[in-house]
Amino acid sequence: MTPFNDIFMISIEDRIDFKVLSEIFKVGCSRIPIFGKDRNDIVGLMLAKDLLFVDPDVWLYIYMCMVGIIYMQ
């Protein structure tokens, strides 16, 4: 099991740009946890396959593409 501090996570306030997309595909995870206020506040899970057709040149934030996020409640 991966230690909690080593898990690749994205903030809900992050912008999806080329750097973030490169990190996601470099890590190789199929599911990326999305956190809110801090890393202990997991609000959802984004599937990497939902990002395949995202244009990194368009200003798109994680909270704008909430359709691809599975909410944890």
PDB file of N, CA and C in Angstrom:
ATOM      1  N   MET A   1       0.850  -1.173   0.000  1.00  0.00           N
ATOM      2  CA  MET A   1       0.000   0.000   0.000  1.00  0.00           C
ATOM      3  C   MET A   1       0.899   1.241   0.000  1.00  0.00           C
ATOM      4  N   THR A   2       0.503   2.252  -0.742  1.00  0.00           N
ATOM      5  CA  THR A   2       1.269   3.498  -0.827  1.00  0.00           C
ATOM      6  C   THR A   2       1.036   4.339   0.425  1.00  0.00           C
ATOM      7  N   PRO A   3       2.104   4.838   1.044  1.00  0.00           N
ATOM      8  CA  PRO A   3       1.934   5.719   2.203  1.00  0.00           C
ATOM      9  C   PRO A   3       1.149   6.976   1.807  1.00  0.00           C
ATOM     10  N   PHE A   4       0.342   7.463   2.736  1.00  0.00           N
ATOM     11  CA  PHE A   4      -0.548   8.594   2.454  1.00  0.00           C
ATOM     12  C   PHE A   4       0.214   9.808   1.923  1.00  0.00           C
ATOM     13  N   ASN A   5       1.378  10.096   2.473  1.00  0.00           N
ATOM     14  CA  ASN A   5       2.149  11.271   2.051  1.00  0.00           C
ATOM     15  C   ASN A   5       2.725  11.128   0.645  1.00  0.00           C
ATOM     16  N   ASP A   6       2.796   9.903   0.123  1.00  0.00           N
ATOM     17  CA  ASP A   6       3.345   9.668  -1.212  1.00  0.00           C
ATOM     18  C   ASP A   6       2.274   9.577  -2.300  1.00  0.00           C
ATOM     19  N   ILE A   7       1.014   9.671  -1.929  1.00  0.00           N
ATOM     20  CA  ILE A   7      -0.077   9.566  -2.904  1.00  0.00           C
ATOM     21  C   ILE A   7      -0.143  10.839  -3.734  1.00  0.00           C
ATOM     22  N   PHE A   8      -0.228  10.676  -5.058  1.00  0.00           N
ATOM     23  CA  PHE A   8      -0.378  11.821  -5.953  1.00  0.00           C
ATOM     24  C   PHE A   8      -1.823  12.313  -5.865  1.00  0.00           C
ATOM     25  N   MET A   9      -2.003  13.583  -5.478  1.00  0.00           N
ATOM     26  CA  MET A   9      -3.326  14.193  -5.331  1.00  0.00           C
ATOM     27  C   MET A   9      -3.338  15.543  -6.023  1.00  0.00           C
ATOM     28  N   ILE A  10      -4.543  15.993  -6.347  1.00  0.00           N
ATOM     29  CA  ILE A  10      -4.722  17.304  -6.979  1.00  0.00           C
ATOM     30  C   ILE A  10      -5.723  18.095  -6.152  1.00  0.00           C
ATOM     31  N   SER A  11      -5.446  19.381  -5.993  1.00  0.00           N
ATOM     32  CA  SER A  11      -6.384  20.261  -5.302  1.00  0.00           C
ATOM     33  C   SER A  11      -7.553  20.579  -6.227  1.00  0.00           C
ATOM     34  N   ILE A  12      -8.722  20.760  -5.644  1.00  0.00           N
ATOM     35  CA  ILE A  12      -9.901  21.100  -6.426  1.00  0.00           C
ATOM     36  C   ILE A  12      -9.757  22.485  -7.063  1.00  0.00           C
ATOM     37  N   GLU A  13      -8.841  23.300  -6.544  1.00  0.00           N
ATOM     38  CA  GLU A  13      -8.599  24.647  -7.074  1.00  0.00           C
ATOM     39  C   GLU A  13      -7.527  24.669  -8.167  1.00  0.00           C
ATOM     40  N   ASP A  14      -6.877  23.532  -8.434  1.00  0.00           N
ATOM     41  CA  ASP A  14      -5.814  23.481  -9.439  1.00  0.00           C
ATOM     42  C   ASP A  14      -6.364  23.658 -10.846  1.00  0.00           C
ATOM     43  N   ARG A  15      -5.501  24.212 -11.704  1.00  0.00           N
ATOM     44  CA  ARG A  15      -5.839  24.371 -13.113  1.00  0.00           C
ATOM     45  C   ARG A  15      -5.251  23.184 -13.864  1.00  0.00           C
ATOM     46  N   ILE A  16      -6.009  22.647 -14.794  1.00  0.00           N
ATOM     47  CA  ILE A  16      -5.525  21.536 -15.611  1.00  0.00           C
ATOM     48  C   ILE A  16      -4.740  22.144 -16.772  1.00  0.00           C
ATOM     49  N   ASP A  17      -3.421  22.083 -16.666  1.00  0.00           N
ATOM     50  CA  ASP A  17      -2.570  22.587 -17.730  1.00  0.00           C
ATOM     51  C   ASP A  17      -1.624  21.466 -18.167  1.00  0.00           C
ATOM     52  N   PHE A  18      -0.706  21.786 -19.050  1.00  0.00           N
ATOM     53  CA  PHE A  18       0.196  20.768 -19.577  1.00  0.00           C
ATOM     54  C   PHE A  18       1.032  20.124 -18.473  1.00  0.00           C
ATOM     55  N   LYS A  19       1.487  20.930 -17.519  1.00  0.00           N
ATOM     56  CA  LYS A  19       2.315  20.413 -16.425  1.00  0.00           C
ATOM     57  C   LYS A  19       1.555  19.379 -15.592  1.00  0.00           C
ATOM     58  N   VAL A  20       0.317  19.704 -15.223  1.00  0.00           N
ATOM     59  CA  VAL A  20      -0.497  18.788 -14.409  1.00  0.00           C
ATOM     60  C   VAL A  20      -0.832  17.522 -15.196  1.00  0.00           C
ATOM     61  N   LEU A  21      -1.217  17.675 -16.464  1.00  0.00           N
ATOM     62  CA  LEU A  21      -1.519  16.499 -17.276  1.00  0.00           C
ATOM     63  C   LEU A  21      -0.292  15.608 -17.431  1.00  0.00           C
ATOM     64  N   SER A  22       0.868  16.205 -17.625  1.00  0.00           N
ATOM     65  CA  SER A  22       2.105  15.420 -17.746  1.00  0.00           C
ATOM     66  C   SER A  22       2.388  14.644 -16.464  1.00  0.00           C
ATOM     67  N   GLU A  23       2.198  15.295 -15.316  1.00  0.00           N
ATOM     68  CA  GLU A  23       2.428  14.620 -14.033  1.00  0.00           C
ATOM     69  C   GLU A  23       1.481  13.441 -13.859  1.00  0.00           C
ATOM     70  N   ILE A  24       0.212  13.639 -14.223  1.00  0.00           N
ATOM     71  CA  ILE A  24      -0.784  12.573 -14.073  1.00  0.00           C
ATOM     72  C   ILE A  24      -0.393  11.365 -14.911  1.00  0.00           C
ATOM     73  N   PHE A  25      -0.046  11.606 -16.169  1.00  0.00           N
ATOM     74  CA  PHE A  25       0.287  10.485 -17.044  1.00  0.00           C
ATOM     75  C   PHE A  25       1.648   9.883 -16.707  1.00  0.00           C
ATOM     76  N   LYS A  26       2.562  10.682 -16.152  1.00  0.00           N
ATOM     77  CA  LYS A  26       3.873  10.173 -15.742  1.00  0.00           C
ATOM     78  C   LYS A  26       3.747   9.254 -14.525  1.00  0.00           C
ATOM     79  N   VAL A  27       2.857   9.639 -13.593  1.00  0.00           N
ATOM     80  CA  VAL A  27       2.640   8.826 -12.398  1.00  0.00           C
ATOM     81  C   VAL A  27       2.004   7.494 -12.772  1.00  0.00           C
ATOM     82  N   GLY A  28       1.116   7.516 -13.755  1.00  0.00           N
ATOM     83  CA  GLY A  28       0.523   6.284 -14.240  1.00  0.00           C
ATOM     84  C   GLY A  28      -0.676   5.783 -13.457  1.00  0.00           C
ATOM     85  N   CYS A  29      -1.248   6.622 -12.618  1.00  0.00           N
ATOM     86  CA  CYS A  29      -2.430   6.226 -11.846  1.00  0.00           C
ATOM     87  C   CYS A  29      -3.688   6.374 -12.697  1.00  0.00           C
ATOM     88  N   SER A  30      -4.631   5.489 -12.484  1.00  0.00           N
ATOM     89  CA  SER A  30      -5.888   5.593 -13.215  1.00  0.00           C
ATOM     90  C   SER A  30      -6.922   6.419 -12.450  1.00  0.00           C
ATOM     91  N   ARG A  31      -6.735   6.552 -11.143  1.00  0.00           N
ATOM     92  CA  ARG A  31      -7.640   7.342 -10.314  1.00  0.00           C
ATOM     93  C   ARG A  31      -6.820   8.332  -9.491  1.00  0.00           C
ATOM     94  N   ILE A  32      -7.225   9.596  -9.534  1.00  0.00           N
ATOM     95  CA  ILE A  32      -6.490  10.645  -8.828  1.00  0.00           C
ATOM     96  C   ILE A  32      -7.399  11.242  -7.766  1.00  0.00           C
ATOM     97  N   PRO A  33      -6.999  11.169  -6.498  1.00  0.00           N
ATOM     98  CA  PRO A  33      -7.800  11.799  -5.447  1.00  0.00           C
ATOM     99  C   PRO A  33      -7.798  13.322  -5.596  1.00  0.00           C
ATOM    100  N   ILE A  34      -8.947  13.927  -5.355  1.00  0.00           N
ATOM    101  CA  ILE A  34      -9.115  15.383  -5.388  1.00  0.00           C
ATOM    102  C   ILE A  34      -9.359  15.834  -3.962  1.00  0.00           C
ATOM    103  N   PHE A  35      -8.548  16.812  -3.505  1.00  0.00           N
ATOM    104  CA  PHE A  35      -8.734  17.286  -2.137  1.00  0.00           C
ATOM    105  C   PHE A  35      -9.214  18.727  -2.125  1.00  0.00           C
ATOM    106  N   GLY A  36      -9.901  19.066  -1.019  1.00  0.00           N
ATOM    107  CA  GLY A  36     -10.461  20.405  -0.854  1.00  0.00           C
ATOM    108  C   GLY A  36      -9.532  21.316  -0.092  1.00  0.00           C
ATOM    109  N   LYS A  37      -9.808  21.495   1.199  1.00  0.00           N
ATOM    110  CA  LYS A  37      -9.044  22.439   2.033  1.00  0.00           C
ATOM    111  C   LYS A  37      -7.602  21.995   2.262  1.00  0.00           C
ATOM    112  N   ASP A  38      -7.393  20.715   2.516  1.00  0.00           N
ATOM    113  CA  ASP A  38      -6.046  20.168   2.697  1.00  0.00           C
ATOM    114  C   ASP A  38      -6.041  18.717   2.226  1.00  0.00           C
ATOM    115  N   ARG A  39      -4.887  18.084   2.279  1.00  0.00           N
ATOM    116  CA  ARG A  39      -4.761  16.716   1.758  1.00  0.00           C
ATOM    117  C   ARG A  39      -5.581  15.691   2.533  1.00  0.00           C
ATOM    118  N   ASN A  40      -6.038  16.044   3.720  1.00  0.00           N
ATOM    119  CA  ASN A  40      -6.889  15.146   4.501  1.00  0.00           C
ATOM    120  C   ASN A  40      -8.363  15.282   4.138  1.00  0.00           C
ATOM    121  N   ASP A  41      -8.701  16.297   3.351  1.00  0.00           N
ATOM    122  CA  ASP A  41     -10.083  16.587   2.966  1.00  0.00           C
ATOM    123  C   ASP A  41     -10.328  16.094   1.535  1.00  0.00           C
ATOM    124  N   ILE A  42     -10.458  14.786   1.370  1.00  0.00           N
ATOM    125  CA  ILE A  42     -10.682  14.202   0.050  1.00  0.00           C
ATOM    126  C   ILE A  42     -12.142  14.419  -0.338  1.00  0.00           C
ATOM    127  N   VAL A  43     -12.363  15.128  -1.457  1.00  0.00           N
ATOM    128  CA  VAL A  43     -13.728  15.440  -1.883  1.00  0.00           C
ATOM    129  C   VAL A  43     -14.167  14.605  -3.076  1.00  0.00           C
ATOM    130  N   GLY A  44     -13.232  13.950  -3.725  1.00  0.00           N
ATOM    131  CA  GLY A  44     -13.624  13.158  -4.878  1.00  0.00           C
ATOM    132  C   GLY A  44     -12.465  12.410  -5.494  1.00  0.00           C
ATOM    133  N   LEU A  45     -12.760  11.796  -6.624  1.00  0.00           N
ATOM    134  CA  LEU A  45     -11.808  10.967  -7.318  1.00  0.00           C
ATOM    135  C   LEU A  45     -11.967  11.242  -8.808  1.00  0.00           C
ATOM    136  N   MET A  46     -10.878  11.618  -9.483  1.00  0.00           N
ATOM    137  CA  MET A  46     -10.938  11.866 -10.918  1.00  0.00           C
ATOM    138  C   MET A  46     -10.321  10.692 -11.655  1.00  0.00           C
ATOM    139  N   LEU A  47     -10.962  10.279 -12.723  1.00  0.00           N
ATOM    140  CA  LEU A  47     -10.447   9.188 -13.537  1.00  0.00           C
ATOM    141  C   LEU A  47      -9.531   9.765 -14.614  1.00  0.00           C
ATOM    142  N   ALA A  48      -8.337   9.211 -14.755  1.00  0.00           N
ATOM    143  CA  ALA A  48      -7.361   9.715 -15.720  1.00  0.00           C
ATOM    144  C   ALA A  48      -7.898   9.628 -17.144  1.00  0.00           C
ATOM    145  N   LYS A  49      -8.687   8.623 -17.434  1.00  0.00           N
ATOM    146  CA  LYS A  49      -9.207   8.475 -18.794  1.00  0.00           C
ATOM    147  C   LYS A  49     -10.153   9.627 -19.176  1.00  0.00           C
ATOM    148  N   ASP A  50     -10.733  10.304 -18.181  1.00  0.00           N
ATOM    149  CA  ASP A  50     -11.595  11.452 -18.469  1.00  0.00           C
ATOM    150  C   ASP A  50     -10.794  12.673 -18.913  1.00  0.00           C
ATOM    151  N   LEU A  51      -9.482  12.627 -18.764  1.00  0.00           N
ATOM    152  CA  LEU A  51      -8.626  13.754 -19.127  1.00  0.00           C
ATOM    153  C   LEU A  51      -7.954  13.576 -20.479  1.00  0.00           C
ATOM    154  N   LEU A  52      -8.220  12.477 -21.169  1.00  0.00           N
ATOM    155  CA  LEU A  52      -7.540  12.200 -22.432  1.00  0.00           C
ATOM    156  C   LEU A  52      -7.757  13.282 -23.488  1.00  0.00           C
ATOM    157  N   PHE A  53      -8.954  13.853 -23.539  1.00  0.00           N
ATOM    158  CA  PHE A  53      -9.265  14.825 -24.586  1.00  0.00           C
ATOM    159  C   PHE A  53      -9.302  16.258 -24.073  1.00  0.00           C
ATOM    160  N   VAL A  54      -8.737  16.500 -22.895  1.00  0.00           N
ATOM    161  CA  VAL A  54      -8.680  17.849 -22.335  1.00  0.00           C
ATOM    162  C   VAL A  54      -7.563  18.616 -23.032  1.00  0.00           C
ATOM    163  N   ASP A  55      -7.882  19.821 -23.492  1.00  0.00           N
ATOM    164  CA  ASP A  55      -6.897  20.685 -24.145  1.00  0.00           C
ATOM    165  C   ASP A  55      -6.151  21.463 -23.067  1.00  0.00           C
ATOM    166  N   PRO A  56      -4.855  21.254 -22.908  1.00  0.00           N
ATOM    167  CA  PRO A  56      -4.111  21.933 -21.841  1.00  0.00           C
ATOM    168  C   PRO A  56      -3.970  23.437 -22.059  1.00  0.00           C
ATOM    169  N   ASP A  57      -4.264  23.919 -23.265  1.00  0.00           N
ATOM    170  CA  ASP A  57      -4.171  25.349 -23.550  1.00  0.00           C
ATOM    171  C   ASP A  57      -5.420  26.117 -23.122  1.00  0.00           C
ATOM    172  N   VAL A  58      -6.485  25.403 -22.812  1.00  0.00           N
ATOM    173  CA  VAL A  58      -7.730  26.033 -22.359  1.00  0.00           C
ATOM    174  C   VAL A  58      -7.694  26.131 -20.838  1.00  0.00           C
ATOM    175  N   TRP A  59      -8.065  27.300 -20.304  1.00  0.00           N
ATOM    176  CA  TRP A  59      -8.079  27.484 -18.852  1.00  0.00           C
ATOM    177  C   TRP A  59      -9.219  26.669 -18.265  1.00  0.00           C
ATOM    178  N   LEU A  60      -8.883  25.533 -17.700  1.00  0.00           N
ATOM    179  CA  LEU A  60      -9.886  24.644 -17.130  1.00  0.00           C
ATOM    180  C   LEU A  60      -9.433  24.254 -15.733  1.00  0.00           C
ATOM    181  N   TYR A  61     -10.299  24.467 -14.767  1.00  0.00           N
ATOM    182  CA  TYR A  61      -9.996  24.112 -13.387  1.00  0.00           C
ATOM    183  C   TYR A  61     -10.696  22.807 -13.036  1.00  0.00           C
ATOM    184  N   ILE A  62     -10.173  22.124 -12.032  1.00  0.00           N
ATOM    185  CA  ILE A  62     -10.742  20.847 -11.608  1.00  0.00           C
ATOM    186  C   ILE A  62     -12.222  20.996 -11.279  1.00  0.00           C
ATOM    187  N   TYR A  63     -12.588  22.063 -10.546  1.00  0.00           N
ATOM    188  CA  TYR A  63     -13.991  22.210 -10.149  1.00  0.00           C
ATOM    189  C   TYR A  63     -14.903  22.484 -11.336  1.00  0.00           C
ATOM    190  N   MET A  64     -14.350  22.870 -12.486  1.00  0.00           N
ATOM    191  CA  MET A  64     -15.173  23.100 -13.673  1.00  0.00           C
ATOM    192  C   MET A  64     -15.552  21.799 -14.371  1.00  0.00           C
ATOM    193  N   CYS A  65     -14.801  20.763 -14.141  1.00  0.00           N
ATOM    194  CA  CYS A  65     -15.105  19.482 -14.796  1.00  0.00           C
ATOM    195  C   CYS A  65     -15.554  18.457 -13.770  1.00  0.00           C
ATOM    196  N   MET A  66     -16.458  18.857 -12.925  1.00  0.00           N
ATOM    197  CA  MET A  66     -16.938  18.007 -11.849  1.00  0.00           C
ATOM    198  C   MET A  66     -17.665  16.762 -12.348  1.00  0.00           C
ATOM    199  N   VAL A  67     -18.031  16.710 -13.628  1.00  0.00           N
ATOM    200  CA  VAL A  67     -18.696  15.532 -14.176  1.00  0.00           C
ATOM    201  C   VAL A  67     -17.779  14.326 -14.071  1.00  0.00           C
ATOM    202  N   GLY A  68     -16.463  14.547 -14.227  1.00  0.00           N
ATOM    203  CA  GLY A  68     -15.519  13.450 -14.178  1.00  0.00           C
ATOM    204  C   GLY A  68     -15.088  13.063 -12.781  1.00  0.00           C
ATOM    205  N   ILE A  69     -15.672  13.707 -11.775  1.00  0.00           N
ATOM    206  CA  ILE A  69     -15.277  13.425 -10.408  1.00  0.00           C
ATOM    207  C   ILE A  69     -16.345  12.587  -9.713  1.00  0.00           C
ATOM    208  N   ILE A  70     -15.926  11.547  -9.053  1.00  0.00           N
ATOM    209  CA  ILE A  70     -16.831  10.720  -8.251  1.00  0.00           C
ATOM    210  C   ILE A  70     -16.791  11.296  -6.841  1.00  0.00           C
ATOM    211  N   TYR A  71     -17.918  11.802  -6.364  1.00  0.00           N
ATOM    212  CA  TYR A  71     -17.954  12.413  -5.033  1.00  0.00           C
ATOM    213  C   TYR A  71     -17.934  11.365  -3.937  1.00  0.00           C
ATOM    214  N   MET A  72     -17.188  11.675  -2.894  1.00  0.00           N
ATOM    215  CA  MET A  72     -17.161  10.801  -1.713  1.00  0.00           C
ATOM    216  C   MET A  72     -17.921  11.506  -0.605  1.00  0.00           C
ATOM    217  N   GLN A  73     -19.015  10.925  -0.204  1.00  0.00           N
ATOM    218  CA  GLN A  73     -19.821  11.546   0.858  1.00  0.00           C
ATOM    219  C   GLN A  73     -20.108  10.563   1.944  1.00  0.00           C
TER     220      GLN A  73
END
